[in-house]
């Protein structure tokens, strides 16, 4: 179910972030700067399109609508990470500190969003519960992955690969409107059976090969440990994941079975998990833990 509670490319949402920044929150200051950069990029893209010499042969109101959606997502994507540097400049000018450099993610895709059952837009990073690097992500979550892996019979590395895909190595964990982390590492939705805290996120679903957006409720936890525990319980409580648990000893077969059971609508979900599982980033972090790398 893969991203912030909102896509802050509109001025109303930006105003809410600006209010938080006035409370001297460094996380909010960083978020405001990133969203300003996103709005700037969106305006620049719009200006470039309007400067074209006449309409194209395929132009219509519908194509303009989808171009606008694409430009909005593209501007959001381009402003993520280190962006074009405008946000860093603003943060520095306003007395804030810049985030530590992070290692390139294995799971970065063309949309700039991590991938999940349904795909929330990129969440605000730079928070107290974010991780400074993939190595920190693996080191911090390894004990929880071991415990959940033991309960499910799944390799802890496979669980970390899925969590990395879902959360962008912890940098795109979904957030409440007040900035609190949901600690949701596996993008599990909050249906009628869920009695805990929840938050609503814009998501991108694939249906018949086409992507569409809608708002969906997701589960929220008090800690990342609780996210791993609920993930294990979630799989065991749902009969449709029985086949995945039956092949839990084979990480790639497990990922394939999850996708086949409908855990994610992204048609490349299992392949992306495999890419992270066998990628240099995860294996490098595991080596730092003196763990045996995936071969």
Foldseek 3Di string as FASTA:
>chain_A
DAAEQALLLDVVLLVLLVVVVVVVDLLSLLVSLLSVQLNVQLVVVVVVVVPDDDDDPPDDPVVVVVVSVVSSLVSNLQSPQCRPVRSVVSCVVVPHDDAAHEDDDLLQDPSNGQFWQWTFHFHRFDDPQAARYLLRLCVVCVVLLVVLCVLLVADSLLVSLQLCRRCVSRRRAYAASVGHGLLQSHFAFDDPVDPADKGKGWTWAADPNDIDIDIGIHHGDPHNSVNSVVVSVVLVVDPLLVQLSVVRNDSLSNLVSCVVSSRHRPPCRSVSSVSNLQDPRSQVSCVVVVHDHDD
